[in-house]
């Protein structure tokens, strides 16, 4: 479709960068305002409200995505989520690692990218370490670990059986049923719905509107694992590579969060307080870097964007991430109780 839009000086890959920047600006601002974060559903002080925000976004994302599929605008038949052979060991191991890492850093990588824009230097350093470790897992010294675990596969159908619209309706109804009883204000849920709408917008934008037979681009939506590595690589080797969708997305998220924080008076410089805290965050960043690659995405890439494709790989990934987070939270609380701490409630860490 892109060739019919009449651009004379802009190629489809170049347009994708600007499109991703716009998506990132919207996501960053909306996520800053709603405090959108999967980790908060597991280990936050307001777990019900956090779940309401996340599930509202998911409901809109899955309905919009499957509606676009039904219209014939996009298809996931050739997408990596639908690859034959489910790499179950890599996904489960990666999901558990990512879930543990987001508890240690008190934020999934999407949330930490948003926090970077609001002046949180802890989040900024986690983002850099995450990108380095993820790149090492994709193409560097940790790549053998990835290929070894990914070689263990199950021969199963790649997606949920039956009608995509029916599945979308079931998932959306269940998600909204909880969200409407989560204690959130209507305005917050409306903003969460707008955030969720960015997912099908991205799928349709890259897979239909910007599709060009002569200069094809990958069909992508919101994610943070591969985009973080792309942003890192472009930063250190911009003369050797071209700007990408991932670069535009990450840059846009940080800029959008910065603008929202400044307008709302929430921008504040923050840094580490103790060496122990620094070590905890670096360990969590490394776990998320490896885990995000092995699982095939983060809580946004495999969760918010992946689940709407109805991919079994994405569903297994987000389930494993949730389990990893819950187990790590339980272990940390159990350790404090065993050490005679006055409360099993996690001590406040100024990460978010």
Foldseek 3Di string as FASTA:
>chain_A
DQVVVDDDPAALFRVLLVVLLVLQLLLLQLCLVLVAFPLCCQFNPQNLQNLLLQLLLLLLLLQLQLVCVVVVLFDCCPPPLQDFWQLLQLLLQLLLLLLLLCLLLVGRLLSLLSVVLLAEVLSVVLLLLLLVLLVCCVPNDVVVVLVVSSVDTDGDGFFDDDRSNVVSVVSSVVSNVSSVVSPDDPVSSVSSNVSSNQQSVQQSVQRHNSADPVDHDDRAGDFQQVLSNLLVCCVVCVVVDPDGSSNSNSVSSSNSSNVSCVVVVNRDHHYDDDVVSSVSNSSSSNSNSSSQVSLVGICCRLNSNNVSSRTPSSVSNNVSNSVSNNVSLVVQLVVCVVVPNPHSRDDDDPSD
